[in-house]
Amino acid sequence: MEEERLQKQEKRLWDQEERLWEKEERLRKQEERLRMQERLALSQNQKLDKQLAEPQCGFKDLNNENKSTLQLEQQVKELQEKLSEVKETVTSAPSKMGWEAGTSLWGGAVPGQRQL
C-alpha cells in the first residue's frame, strides 16, 4: 500500500513536471514573439524618426529661406529709400548748381549772374 501511494505521488510529480515543461516551452515561444515584436517596433521607430526628421529639415530650410527673403526685402527697401534720396538730391542739385554757377538747367546764362 505504501508502494502504491508512492507510485501515485511519483506519477503526480511526473505530470506536474511535464506541465511545467509545457509552460516553460510556451513562455520561451512568447519571449521569442516578444523579441520579434520588439525588433519590429525598433525598426518602425527608426523609420518614423527618419520620416519625422525630413519635415524638420524642410522646415529649417524653409525658415532659412524665409529669413533670406526677409533680409532681401529689407535690403530692397533700404536701396529704394536711398534711391529716392539720391533722386531728390539730383533733381534739386542741378538747379542750385546751375544758379550758383551762373547757368540755367538748359545751359544758358542766368540773367543777372556773372559768368565765371
PDB file of N, CA and C in Angstrom:
ATOM      1  N   MET A   1       0.805  -1.182   0.000  1.00  0.00           N
ATOM      2  CA  MET A   1       0.000   0.000   0.000  1.00  0.00           C
ATOM      3  C   MET A   1       0.867   1.273   0.000  1.00  0.00           C
ATOM      4  N   GLU A   2       1.901   1.239   0.747  1.00  0.00           N
ATOM      5  CA  GLU A   2       2.834   2.362   0.780  1.00  0.00           C
ATOM      6  C   GLU A   2       3.464   2.541  -0.596  1.00  0.00           C
ATOM      7  N   GLU A   3       3.785   1.453  -1.221  1.00  0.00           N
ATOM      8  CA  GLU A   3       4.400   1.499  -2.535  1.00  0.00           C
ATOM      9  C   GLU A   3       3.432   2.070  -3.571  1.00  0.00           C
ATOM     10  N   GLU A   4       2.218   1.722  -3.461  1.00  0.00           N
ATOM     11  CA  GLU A   4       1.185   2.230  -4.356  1.00  0.00           C
ATOM     12  C   GLU A   4       1.022   3.737  -4.174  1.00  0.00           C
ATOM     13  N   ARG A   5       1.028   4.155  -2.935  1.00  0.00           N
ATOM     14  CA  ARG A   5       0.904   5.590  -2.642  1.00  0.00           C
ATOM     15  C   ARG A   5       2.113   6.343  -3.210  1.00  0.00           C
ATOM     16  N   LEU A   6       3.293   5.784  -3.078  1.00  0.00           N
ATOM     17  CA  LEU A   6       4.498   6.403  -3.612  1.00  0.00           C
ATOM     18  C   LEU A   6       4.451   6.463  -5.136  1.00  0.00           C
ATOM     19  N   GLN A   7       3.947   5.462  -5.781  1.00  0.00           N
ATOM     20  CA  GLN A   7       3.812   5.441  -7.237  1.00  0.00           C
ATOM     21  C   GLN A   7       2.847   6.517  -7.717  1.00  0.00           C
ATOM     22  N   LYS A   8       1.756   6.686  -6.976  1.00  0.00           N
ATOM     23  CA  LYS A   8       0.792   7.737  -7.337  1.00  0.00           C
ATOM     24  C   LYS A   8       1.436   9.109  -7.182  1.00  0.00           C
ATOM     25  N   GLN A   9       2.177   9.265  -6.112  1.00  0.00           N
ATOM     26  CA  GLN A   9       2.854  10.548  -5.878  1.00  0.00           C
ATOM     27  C   GLN A   9       3.882  10.805  -6.988  1.00  0.00           C
ATOM     28  N   GLU A  10       4.600   9.766  -7.325  1.00  0.00           N
ATOM     29  CA  GLU A  10       5.602   9.898  -8.376  1.00  0.00           C
ATOM     30  C   GLU A  10       4.941  10.246  -9.708  1.00  0.00           C
ATOM     31  N   LYS A  11       3.831   9.622  -9.997  1.00  0.00           N
ATOM     32  CA  LYS A  11       3.102   9.919 -11.230  1.00  0.00           C
ATOM     33  C   LYS A  11       2.634  11.374 -11.226  1.00  0.00           C
ATOM     34  N   ARG A  12       2.092  11.835 -10.074  1.00  0.00           N
ATOM     35  CA  ARG A  12       1.668  13.244  -9.977  1.00  0.00           C
ATOM     36  C   ARG A  12       2.855  14.182 -10.191  1.00  0.00           C
ATOM     37  N   LEU A  13       3.997  13.829  -9.619  1.00  0.00           N
ATOM     38  CA  LEU A  13       5.184  14.662  -9.796  1.00  0.00           C
ATOM     39  C   LEU A  13       5.599  14.711 -11.268  1.00  0.00           C
ATOM     40  N   TRP A  14       5.558  13.534 -11.935  1.00  0.00           N
ATOM     41  CA  TRP A  14       5.884  13.482 -13.342  1.00  0.00           C
ATOM     42  C   TRP A  14       4.891  14.324 -14.151  1.00  0.00           C
ATOM     43  N   ASP A  15       3.646  14.253 -13.821  1.00  0.00           N
ATOM     44  CA  ASP A  15       2.614  15.040 -14.505  1.00  0.00           C
ATOM     45  C   ASP A  15       2.852  16.541 -14.289  1.00  0.00           C
ATOM     46  N   GLN A  16       3.159  16.887 -13.043  1.00  0.00           N
ATOM     47  CA  GLN A  16       3.430  18.299 -12.736  1.00  0.00           C
ATOM     48  C   GLN A  16       4.666  18.779 -13.491  1.00  0.00           C
ATOM     49  N   GLU A  17       5.689  17.952 -13.507  1.00  0.00           N
ATOM     50  CA  GLU A  17       6.916  18.308 -14.209  1.00  0.00           C
ATOM     51  C   GLU A  17       6.648  18.482 -15.705  1.00  0.00           C
ATOM     52  N   GLU A  18       5.853  17.601 -16.255  1.00  0.00           N
ATOM     53  CA  GLU A  18       5.508  17.703 -17.672  1.00  0.00           C
ATOM     54  C   GLU A  18       4.748  19.006 -17.954  1.00  0.00           C
ATOM     55  N   ARG A  19       3.810  19.349 -17.094  1.00  0.00           N
ATOM     56  CA  ARG A  19       3.067  20.617 -17.266  1.00  0.00           C
ATOM     57  C   ARG A  19       4.014  21.817 -17.149  1.00  0.00           C
ATOM     58  N   LEU A  20       4.969  21.712 -16.222  1.00  0.00           N
ATOM     59  CA  LEU A  20       5.944  22.795 -16.090  1.00  0.00           C
ATOM     60  C   LEU A  20       6.773  22.949 -17.364  1.00  0.00           C
ATOM     61  N   TRP A  21       7.206  21.812 -17.940  1.00  0.00           N
ATOM     62  CA  TRP A  21       7.959  21.855 -19.182  1.00  0.00           C
ATOM     63  C   TRP A  21       7.127  22.484 -20.303  1.00  0.00           C
ATOM     64  N   GLU A  22       5.876  22.130 -20.357  1.00  0.00           N
ATOM     65  CA  GLU A  22       4.993  22.698 -21.370  1.00  0.00           C
ATOM     66  C   GLU A  22       4.826  24.207 -21.167  1.00  0.00           C
ATOM     67  N   LYS A  23       4.660  24.607 -19.898  1.00  0.00           N
ATOM     68  CA  LYS A  23       4.537  26.047 -19.611  1.00  0.00           C
ATOM     69  C   LYS A  23       5.824  26.778 -19.967  1.00  0.00           C
ATOM     70  N   GLU A  24       6.966  26.189 -19.652  1.00  0.00           N
ATOM     71  CA  GLU A  24       8.241  26.805 -19.998  1.00  0.00           C
ATOM     72  C   GLU A  24       8.385  26.951 -21.509  1.00  0.00           C
ATOM     73  N   GLU A  25       7.984  25.934 -22.231  1.00  0.00           N
ATOM     74  CA  GLU A  25       8.047  25.991 -23.691  1.00  0.00           C
ATOM     75  C   GLU A  25       7.160  27.109 -24.232  1.00  0.00           C
ATOM     76  N   ARG A  26       5.957  27.229 -23.709  1.00  0.00           N
ATOM     77  CA  ARG A  26       5.052  28.323 -24.118  1.00  0.00           C
ATOM     78  C   ARG A  26       5.686  29.686 -23.797  1.00  0.00           C
ATOM     79  N   LEU A  27       6.299  29.772 -22.611  1.00  0.00           N
ATOM     80  CA  LEU A  27       6.951  31.027 -22.231  1.00  0.00           C
ATOM     81  C   LEU A  27       8.109  31.354 -23.181  1.00  0.00           C
ATOM     82  N   ARG A  28       8.910  30.354 -23.550  1.00  0.00           N
ATOM     83  CA  ARG A  28      10.011  30.597 -24.495  1.00  0.00           C
ATOM     84  C   ARG A  28       9.474  31.101 -25.835  1.00  0.00           C
ATOM     85  N   LYS A  29       8.382  30.484 -26.290  1.00  0.00           N
ATOM     86  CA  LYS A  29       7.790  30.920 -27.557  1.00  0.00           C
ATOM     87  C   LYS A  29       7.257  32.350 -27.449  1.00  0.00           C
ATOM     88  N   GLN A  30       6.625  32.671 -26.312  1.00  0.00           N
ATOM     89  CA  GLN A  30       6.123  34.031 -26.100  1.00  0.00           C
ATOM     90  C   GLN A  30       7.277  35.026 -26.057  1.00  0.00           C
ATOM     91  N   GLU A  31       8.368  34.648 -25.373  1.00  0.00           N
ATOM     92  CA  GLU A  31       9.543  35.520 -25.326  1.00  0.00           C
ATOM     93  C   GLU A  31      10.093  35.772 -26.721  1.00  0.00           C
ATOM     94  N   GLU A  32      10.165  34.745 -27.519  1.00  0.00           N
ATOM     95  CA  GLU A  32      10.658  34.885 -28.893  1.00  0.00           C
ATOM     96  C   GLU A  32       9.741  35.809 -29.696  1.00  0.00           C
ATOM     97  N   ARG A  33       8.433  35.633 -29.567  1.00  0.00           N
ATOM     98  CA  ARG A  33       7.487  36.531 -30.266  1.00  0.00           C
ATOM     99  C   ARG A  33       7.669  37.969 -29.788  1.00  0.00           C
ATOM    100  N   LEU A  34       7.860  38.140 -28.473  1.00  0.00           N
ATOM    101  CA  LEU A  34       8.065  39.491 -27.945  1.00  0.00           C
ATOM    102  C   LEU A  34       9.356  40.108 -28.479  1.00  0.00           C
ATOM    103  N   ARG A  35      10.422  39.305 -28.576  1.00  0.00           N
ATOM    104  CA  ARG A  35      11.678  39.819 -29.137  1.00  0.00           C
ATOM    105  C   ARG A  35      11.483  40.237 -30.589  1.00  0.00           C
ATOM    106  N   MET A  36      10.753  39.420 -31.343  1.00  0.00           N
ATOM    107  CA  MET A  36      10.490  39.760 -32.749  1.00  0.00           C
ATOM    108  C   MET A  36       9.667  41.042 -32.841  1.00  0.00           C
ATOM    109  N   GLN A  37       8.658  41.178 -31.989  1.00  0.00           N
ATOM    110  CA  GLN A  37       7.836  42.389 -31.984  1.00  0.00           C
ATOM    111  C   GLN A  37       8.680  43.594 -31.586  1.00  0.00           C
ATOM    112  N   GLU A  38       9.576  43.396 -30.635  1.00  0.00           N
ATOM    113  CA  GLU A  38      10.446  44.488 -30.196  1.00  0.00           C
ATOM    114  C   GLU A  38      11.357  44.938 -31.340  1.00  0.00           C
ATOM    115  N   ARG A  39      11.940  43.965 -32.055  1.00  0.00           N
ATOM    116  CA  ARG A  39      12.784  44.309 -33.211  1.00  0.00           C
ATOM    117  C   ARG A  39      11.979  45.056 -34.266  1.00  0.00           C
ATOM    118  N   LEU A  40      10.763  44.581 -34.508  1.00  0.00           N
ATOM    119  CA  LEU A  40       9.899  45.245 -35.482  1.00  0.00           C
ATOM    120  C   LEU A  40       9.572  46.673 -35.028  1.00  0.00           C
ATOM    121  N   ALA A  41       9.266  46.814 -33.746  1.00  0.00           N
ATOM    122  CA  ALA A  41       8.939  48.142 -33.208  1.00  0.00           C
ATOM    123  C   ALA A  41      10.142  49.073 -33.312  1.00  0.00           C
ATOM    124  N   LEU A  42      11.338  48.570 -33.019  1.00  0.00           N
ATOM    125  CA  LEU A  42      12.543  49.397 -33.143  1.00  0.00           C
ATOM    126  C   LEU A  42      12.775  49.819 -34.584  1.00  0.00           C
ATOM    127  N   SER A  43      12.566  48.891 -35.494  1.00  0.00           N
ATOM    128  CA  SER A  43      12.721  49.206 -36.910  1.00  0.00           C
ATOM    129  C   SER A  43      11.721  50.279 -37.348  1.00  0.00           C
ATOM    130  N   GLN A  44      10.479  50.123 -36.920  1.00  0.00           N
ATOM    131  CA  GLN A  44       9.449  51.118 -37.257  1.00  0.00           C
ATOM    132  C   GLN A  44       9.771  52.461 -36.622  1.00  0.00           C
ATOM    133  N   ASN A  45      10.288  52.448 -35.399  1.00  0.00           N
ATOM    134  CA  ASN A  45      10.668  53.708 -34.748  1.00  0.00           C
ATOM    135  C   ASN A  45      11.760  54.419 -35.531  1.00  0.00           C
ATOM    136  N   GLN A  46      12.744  53.646 -36.017  1.00  0.00           N
ATOM    137  CA  GLN A  46      13.808  54.256 -36.804  1.00  0.00           C
ATOM    138  C   GLN A  46      13.254  54.870 -38.083  1.00  0.00           C
ATOM    139  N   LYS A  47      12.342  54.154 -38.737  1.00  0.00           N
ATOM    140  CA  LYS A  47      11.723  54.693 -39.951  1.00  0.00           C
ATOM    141  C   LYS A  47      10.941  55.968 -39.643  1.00  0.00           C
ATOM    142  N   LEU A  48      10.192  55.926 -38.539  1.00  0.00           N
ATOM    143  CA  LEU A  48       9.410  57.108 -38.157  1.00  0.00           C
ATOM    144  C   LEU A  48      10.320  58.273 -37.800  1.00  0.00           C
ATOM    145  N   ASP A  49      11.431  57.990 -37.115  1.00  0.00           N
ATOM    146  CA  ASP A  49      12.381  59.055 -36.789  1.00  0.00           C
ATOM    147  C   ASP A  49      12.914  59.709 -38.052  1.00  0.00           C
ATOM    148  N   LYS A  50      13.242  58.877 -39.061  1.00  0.00           N
ATOM    149  CA  LYS A  50      13.726  59.431 -40.330  1.00  0.00           C
ATOM    150  C   LYS A  50      12.650  60.276 -40.994  1.00  0.00           C
ATOM    151  N   GLN A  51      11.409  59.756 -40.997  1.00  0.00           N
ATOM    152  CA  GLN A  51      10.312  60.500 -41.612  1.00  0.00           C
ATOM    153  C   GLN A  51      10.055  61.799 -40.875  1.00  0.00           C
ATOM    154  N   LEU A  52      10.198  61.769 -39.565  1.00  0.00           N
ATOM    155  CA  LEU A  52       9.989  62.979 -38.774  1.00  0.00           C
ATOM    156  C   LEU A  52      11.101  63.974 -39.020  1.00  0.00           C
ATOM    157  N   ALA A  53      12.309  63.478 -39.205  1.00  0.00           N
ATOM    158  CA  ALA A  53      13.450  64.364 -39.432  1.00  0.00           C
ATOM    159  C   ALA A  53      13.340  65.088 -40.761  1.00  0.00           C
ATOM    160  N   GLU A  54      12.767  64.435 -41.774  1.00  0.00           N
ATOM    161  CA  GLU A  54      12.654  65.059 -43.095  1.00  0.00           C
ATOM    162  C   GLU A  54      11.845  66.348 -43.068  1.00  0.00           C
ATOM    163  N   PRO A  55      10.627  66.357 -42.491  1.00  0.00           N
ATOM    164  CA  PRO A  55       9.894  67.626 -42.449  1.00  0.00           C
ATOM    165  C   PRO A  55      10.605  68.684 -41.610  1.00  0.00           C
ATOM    166  N   GLN A  56      11.304  68.252 -40.561  1.00  0.00           N
ATOM    167  CA  GLN A  56      12.017  69.223 -39.738  1.00  0.00           C
ATOM    168  C   GLN A  56      13.123  69.882 -40.537  1.00  0.00           C
ATOM    169  N   CYS A  57      13.839  69.085 -41.333  1.00  0.00           N
ATOM    170  CA  CYS A  57      14.879  69.643 -42.191  1.00  0.00           C
ATOM    171  C   CYS A  57      14.246  70.591 -43.205  1.00  0.00           C
ATOM    172  N   GLY A  58      13.131  70.155 -43.786  1.00  0.00           N
ATOM    173  CA  GLY A  58      12.421  71.002 -44.736  1.00  0.00           C
ATOM    174  C   GLY A  58      11.941  72.280 -44.097  1.00  0.00           C
ATOM    175  N   PHE A  59      11.474  72.175 -42.859  1.00  0.00           N
ATOM    176  CA  PHE A  59      11.016  73.368 -42.143  1.00  0.00           C
ATOM    177  C   PHE A  59      12.180  74.305 -41.878  1.00  0.00           C
ATOM    178  N   LYS A  60      13.335  73.741 -41.485  1.00  0.00           N
ATOM    179  CA  LYS A  60      14.514  74.581 -41.250  1.00  0.00           C
ATOM    180  C   LYS A  60      14.929  75.273 -42.535  1.00  0.00           C
ATOM    181  N   ASP A  61      14.941  74.515 -43.642  1.00  0.00           N
ATOM    182  CA  ASP A  61      15.304  75.103 -44.930  1.00  0.00           C
ATOM    183  C   ASP A  61      14.335  76.225 -45.301  1.00  0.00           C
ATOM    184  N   LEU A  62      13.046  75.949 -45.131  1.00  0.00           N
ATOM    185  CA  LEU A  62      12.031  76.944 -45.454  1.00  0.00           C
ATOM    186  C   LEU A  62      12.177  78.165 -44.551  1.00  0.00           C
ATOM    187  N   ASN A  63      12.449  77.930 -43.281  1.00  0.00           N
ATOM    188  CA  ASN A  63      12.635  79.027 -42.331  1.00  0.00           C
ATOM    189  C   ASN A  63      13.848  79.869 -42.736  1.00  0.00           C
ATOM    190  N   ASN A  64      14.944  79.205 -43.106  1.00  0.00           N
ATOM    191  CA  ASN A  64      16.138  79.931 -43.555  1.00  0.00           C
ATOM    192  C   ASN A  64      15.846  80.705 -44.832  1.00  0.00           C
ATOM    193  N   GLU A  65      15.073  80.086 -45.729  1.00  0.00           N
ATOM    194  CA  GLU A  65      14.707  80.751 -46.972  1.00  0.00           C
ATOM    195  C   GLU A  65      13.856  81.990 -46.690  1.00  0.00           C
ATOM    196  N   ASN A  66      12.924  81.862 -45.743  1.00  0.00           N
ATOM    197  CA  ASN A  66      12.082  83.000 -45.368  1.00  0.00           C
ATOM    198  C   ASN A  66      12.932  84.114 -44.779  1.00  0.00           C
ATOM    199  N   LYS A  67      13.914  83.740 -43.938  1.00  0.00           N
ATOM    200  CA  LYS A  67      14.801  84.761 -43.360  1.00  0.00           C
ATOM    201  C   LYS A  67      15.575  85.466 -44.453  1.00  0.00           C
ATOM    202  N   SER A  68      16.076  84.688 -45.415  1.00  0.00           N
ATOM    203  CA  SER A  68      16.823  85.279 -46.524  1.00  0.00           C
ATOM    204  C   SER A  68      15.924  86.209 -47.332  1.00  0.00           C
ATOM    205  N   THR A  69      14.698  85.778 -47.567  1.00  0.00           N
ATOM    206  CA  THR A  69      13.752  86.602 -48.313  1.00  0.00           C
ATOM    207  C   THR A  69      13.465  87.899 -47.568  1.00  0.00           C
ATOM    208  N   LEU A  70      13.261  87.789 -46.271  1.00  0.00           N
ATOM    209  CA  LEU A  70      13.013  88.985 -45.475  1.00  0.00           C
ATOM    210  C   LEU A  70      14.215  89.925 -45.494  1.00  0.00           C
ATOM    211  N   GLN A  71      15.417  89.346 -45.432  1.00  0.00           N
ATOM    212  CA  GLN A  71      16.619  90.179 -45.495  1.00  0.00           C
ATOM    213  C   GLN A  71      16.711  90.875 -46.848  1.00  0.00           C
ATOM    214  N   LEU A  72      16.417  90.136 -47.908  1.00  0.00           N
ATOM    215  CA  LEU A  72      16.449  90.740 -49.243  1.00  0.00           C
ATOM    216  C   LEU A  72      15.403  91.842 -49.373  1.00  0.00           C
ATOM    217  N   GLU A  73      14.217  91.595 -48.847  1.00  0.00           N
ATOM    218  CA  GLU A  73      13.170  92.622 -48.896  1.00  0.00           C
ATOM    219  C   GLU A  73      13.606  93.863 -48.144  1.00  0.00           C
ATOM    220  N   GLN A  74      14.253  93.676 -46.989  1.00  0.00           N
ATOM    221  CA  GLN A  74      14.740  94.813 -46.209  1.00  0.00           C
ATOM    222  C   GLN A  74      15.818  95.565 -46.991  1.00  0.00           C
ATOM    223  N   GLN A  75      16.709  94.827 -47.652  1.00  0.00           N
ATOM    224  CA  GLN A  75      17.756  95.473 -48.443  1.00  0.00           C
ATOM    225  C   GLN A  75      17.157  96.248 -49.612  1.00  0.00           C
ATOM    226  N   VAL A  76      16.159  95.679 -50.268  1.00  0.00           N
ATOM    227  CA  VAL A  76      15.487  96.363 -51.380  1.00  0.00           C
ATOM    228  C   VAL A  76      14.833  97.653 -50.873  1.00  0.00           C
ATOM    229  N   LYS A  77      14.188  97.554 -49.720  1.00  0.00           N
ATOM    230  CA  LYS A  77      13.540  98.732 -49.150  1.00  0.00           C
ATOM    231  C   LYS A  77      14.574  99.820 -48.848  1.00  0.00           C
ATOM    232  N   GLU A  78      15.684  99.421 -48.262  1.00  0.00           N
ATOM    233  CA  GLU A  78      16.731 100.389 -47.954  1.00  0.00           C
ATOM    234  C   GLU A  78      17.295 101.016 -49.229  1.00  0.00           C
ATOM    235  N   LEU A  79      17.494 100.180 -50.263  1.00  0.00           N
ATOM    236  CA  LEU A  79      18.001 100.706 -51.532  1.00  0.00           C
ATOM    237  C   LEU A  79      16.996 101.653 -52.189  1.00  0.00           C
ATOM    238  N   GLN A  80      15.701 101.317 -52.073  1.00  0.00           N
ATOM    239  CA  GLN A  80      14.675 102.198 -52.637  1.00  0.00           C
ATOM    240  C   GLN A  80      14.685 103.548 -51.912  1.00  0.00           C
ATOM    241  N   GLU A  81      14.858 103.510 -50.593  1.00  0.00           N
ATOM    242  CA  GLU A  81      14.918 104.755 -49.831  1.00  0.00           C
ATOM    243  C   GLU A  81      16.133 105.579 -50.252  1.00  0.00           C
ATOM    244  N   LYS A  82      17.281 104.916 -50.410  1.00  0.00           N
ATOM    245  CA  LYS A  82      18.493 105.624 -50.841  1.00  0.00           C
ATOM    246  C   LYS A  82      18.315 106.192 -52.237  1.00  0.00           C
ATOM    247  N   LEU A  83      17.668 105.412 -53.118  1.00  0.00           N
ATOM    248  CA  LEU A  83      17.428 105.870 -54.482  1.00  0.00           C
ATOM    249  C   LEU A  83      16.534 107.111 -54.474  1.00  0.00           C
ATOM    250  N   SER A  84      15.514 107.085 -53.627  1.00  0.00           N
ATOM    251  CA  SER A  84      14.642 108.256 -53.521  1.00  0.00           C
ATOM    252  C   SER A  84      15.431 109.468 -53.049  1.00  0.00           C
ATOM    253  N   GLU A  85      16.295 109.252 -52.063  1.00  0.00           N
ATOM    254  CA  GLU A  85      17.119 110.358 -51.561  1.00  0.00           C
ATOM    255  C   GLU A  85      18.039 110.892 -52.654  1.00  0.00           C
ATOM    256  N   VAL A  86      18.646 109.973 -53.410  1.00  0.00           N
ATOM    257  CA  VAL A  86      19.550 110.375 -54.488  1.00  0.00           C
ATOM    258  C   VAL A  86      18.764 111.118 -55.558  1.00  0.00           C
ATOM    259  N   LYS A  87      17.573 110.650 -55.888  1.00  0.00           N
ATOM    260  CA  LYS A  87      16.746 111.328 -56.890  1.00  0.00           C
ATOM    261  C   LYS A  87      16.410 112.736 -56.434  1.00  0.00           C
ATOM    262  N   GLU A  88      16.060 112.863 -55.159  1.00  0.00           N
ATOM    263  CA  GLU A  88      15.759 114.197 -54.619  1.00  0.00           C
ATOM    264  C   GLU A  88      16.970 115.094 -54.738  1.00  0.00           C
ATOM    265  N   THR A  89      18.114 114.553 -54.368  1.00  0.00           N
ATOM    266  CA  THR A  89      19.349 115.338 -54.415  1.00  0.00           C
ATOM    267  C   THR A  89      19.682 115.723 -55.846  1.00  0.00           C
ATOM    268  N   VAL A  90      19.526 114.773 -56.758  1.00  0.00           N
ATOM    269  CA  VAL A  90      19.863 115.018 -58.160  1.00  0.00           C
ATOM    270  C   VAL A  90      18.909 116.039 -58.764  1.00  0.00           C
ATOM    271  N   THR A  91      17.616 115.932 -58.464  1.00  0.00           N
ATOM    272  CA  THR A  91      16.664 116.875 -59.085  1.00  0.00           C
ATOM    273  C   THR A  91      16.801 118.265 -58.508  1.00  0.00           C
ATOM    274  N   SER A  92      17.193 118.378 -57.237  1.00  0.00           N
ATOM    275  CA  SER A  92      17.327 119.722 -56.681  1.00  0.00           C
ATOM    276  C   SER A  92      18.727 120.270 -56.891  1.00  0.00           C
ATOM    277  N   ALA A  93      19.715 119.431 -57.030  1.00  0.00           N
ATOM    278  CA  ALA A  93      21.104 119.884 -57.147  1.00  0.00           C
ATOM    279  C   ALA A  93      21.397 120.624 -58.450  1.00  0.00           C
ATOM    280  N   PRO A  94      20.949 120.174 -59.615  1.00  0.00           N
ATOM    281  CA  PRO A  94      21.333 120.885 -60.844  1.00  0.00           C
ATOM    282  C   PRO A  94      20.837 122.323 -60.869  1.00  0.00           C
ATOM    283  N   SER A  95      19.652 122.566 -60.375  1.00  0.00           N
ATOM    284  CA  SER A  95      19.158 123.942 -60.409  1.00  0.00           C
ATOM    285  C   SER A  95      19.970 124.815 -59.477  1.00  0.00           C
ATOM    286  N   LYS A  96      20.328 124.286 -58.313  1.00  0.00           N
ATOM    287  CA  LYS A  96      21.163 125.049 -57.386  1.00  0.00           C
ATOM    288  C   LYS A  96      22.546 125.263 -57.976  1.00  0.00           C
ATOM    289  N   MET A  97      23.104 124.164 -58.505  1.00  0.00           N
ATOM    290  CA  MET A  97      24.442 124.253 -59.055  1.00  0.00           C
ATOM    291  C   MET A  97      24.450 125.181 -60.262  1.00  0.00           C
ATOM    292  N   GLY A  98      23.443 125.065 -61.100  1.00  0.00           N
ATOM    293  CA  GLY A  98      23.368 125.919 -62.275  1.00  0.00           C
ATOM    294  C   GLY A  98      23.199 127.384 -61.876  1.00  0.00           C
ATOM    295  N   TRP A  99      22.398 127.655 -60.904  1.00  0.00           N
ATOM    296  CA  TRP A  99      22.161 129.026 -60.456  1.00  0.00           C
ATOM    297  C   TRP A  99      23.429 129.618 -59.881  1.00  0.00           C
ATOM    298  N   GLU A 100      24.110 128.799 -59.042  1.00  0.00           N
ATOM    299  CA  GLU A 100      25.341 129.286 -58.418  1.00  0.00           C
ATOM    300  C   GLU A 100      26.440 129.467 -59.454  1.00  0.00           C
ATOM    301  N   ALA A 101      26.433 128.635 -60.462  1.00  0.00           N
ATOM    302  CA  ALA A 101      27.471 128.736 -61.488  1.00  0.00           C
ATOM    303  C   ALA A 101      27.116 129.773 -62.539  1.00  0.00           C
ATOM    304  N   GLY A 102      25.926 130.289 -62.459  1.00  0.00           N
ATOM    305  CA  GLY A 102      25.520 131.307 -63.419  1.00  0.00           C
ATOM    306  C   GLY A 102      24.926 130.732 -64.686  1.00  0.00           C
ATOM    307  N   THR A 103      24.514 129.487 -64.661  1.00  0.00           N
ATOM    308  CA  THR A 103      23.904 128.896 -65.845  1.00  0.00           C
ATOM    309  C   THR A 103      22.561 128.295 -65.452  1.00  0.00           C
ATOM    310  N   SER A 104      21.683 128.221 -66.402  1.00  0.00           N
ATOM    311  CA  SER A 104      20.384 127.606 -66.146  1.00  0.00           C
ATOM    312  C   SER A 104      20.501 126.099 -66.386  1.00  0.00           C
ATOM    313  N   LEU A 105      19.407 125.388 -66.124  1.00  0.00           N
ATOM    314  CA  LEU A 105      19.395 123.948 -66.366  1.00  0.00           C
ATOM    315  C   LEU A 105      19.628 123.635 -67.835  1.00  0.00           C
ATOM    316  N   TRP A 106      19.280 124.572 -68.699  1.00  0.00           N
ATOM    317  CA  TRP A 106      19.405 124.337 -70.139  1.00  0.00           C
ATOM    318  C   TRP A 106      20.751 124.791 -70.687  1.00  0.00           C
ATOM    319  N   GLY A 107      21.616 125.176 -69.779  1.00  0.00           N
ATOM    320  CA  GLY A 107      22.979 125.517 -70.212  1.00  0.00           C
ATOM    321  C   GLY A 107      23.170 126.983 -70.543  1.00  0.00           C
ATOM    322  N   GLY A 108      22.130 127.759 -70.537  1.00  0.00           N
ATOM    323  CA  GLY A 108      22.285 129.164 -70.861  1.00  0.00           C
ATOM    324  C   GLY A 108      22.636 129.993 -69.624  1.00  0.00           C
ATOM    325  N   ALA A 109      23.008 131.250 -69.866  1.00  0.00           N
ATOM    326  CA  ALA A 109      23.366 132.132 -68.758  1.00  0.00           C
ATOM    327  C   ALA A 109      22.121 132.528 -67.996  1.00  0.00           C
ATOM    328  N   VAL A 110      22.264 132.653 -66.699  1.00  0.00           N
ATOM    329  CA  VAL A 110      21.166 133.073 -65.871  1.00  0.00           C
ATOM    330  C   VAL A 110      21.180 134.597 -65.849  1.00  0.00           C
ATOM    331  N   PRO A 111      20.074 135.223 -66.161  1.00  0.00           N
ATOM    332  CA  PRO A 111      20.064 136.693 -66.172  1.00  0.00           C
ATOM    333  C   PRO A 111      20.486 137.248 -64.824  1.00  0.00           C
ATOM    334  N   GLY A 112      21.377 138.231 -64.854  1.00  0.00           N
ATOM    335  CA  GLY A 112      21.820 138.889 -63.640  1.00  0.00           C
ATOM    336  C   GLY A 112      22.998 138.190 -62.984  1.00  0.00           C
ATOM    337  N   GLN A 113      23.484 137.121 -63.538  1.00  0.00           N
ATOM    338  CA  GLN A 113      24.626 136.401 -62.963  1.00  0.00           C
ATOM    339  C   GLN A 113      25.849 136.675 -63.837  1.00  0.00           C
ATOM    340  N   ARG A 114      26.953 136.748 -63.184  1.00  0.00           N
ATOM    341  CA  ARG A 114      28.212 136.937 -63.878  1.00  0.00           C
ATOM    342  C   ARG A 114      28.775 135.605 -64.316  1.00  0.00           C
ATOM    343  N   GLN A 115      29.290 135.515 -65.514  1.00  0.00           N
ATOM    344  CA  GLN A 115      29.910 134.285 -65.989  1.00  0.00           C
ATOM    345  C   GLN A 115      31.298 134.169 -65.427  1.00  0.00           C
ATOM    346  N   LEU A 116      31.662 132.943 -65.015  1.00  0.00           N
ATOM    347  CA  LEU A 116      32.999 132.720 -64.449  1.00  0.00           C
ATOM    348  C   LEU A 116      34.010 132.375 -65.487  1.00  0.00           C
TER     349      LEU A 116
END
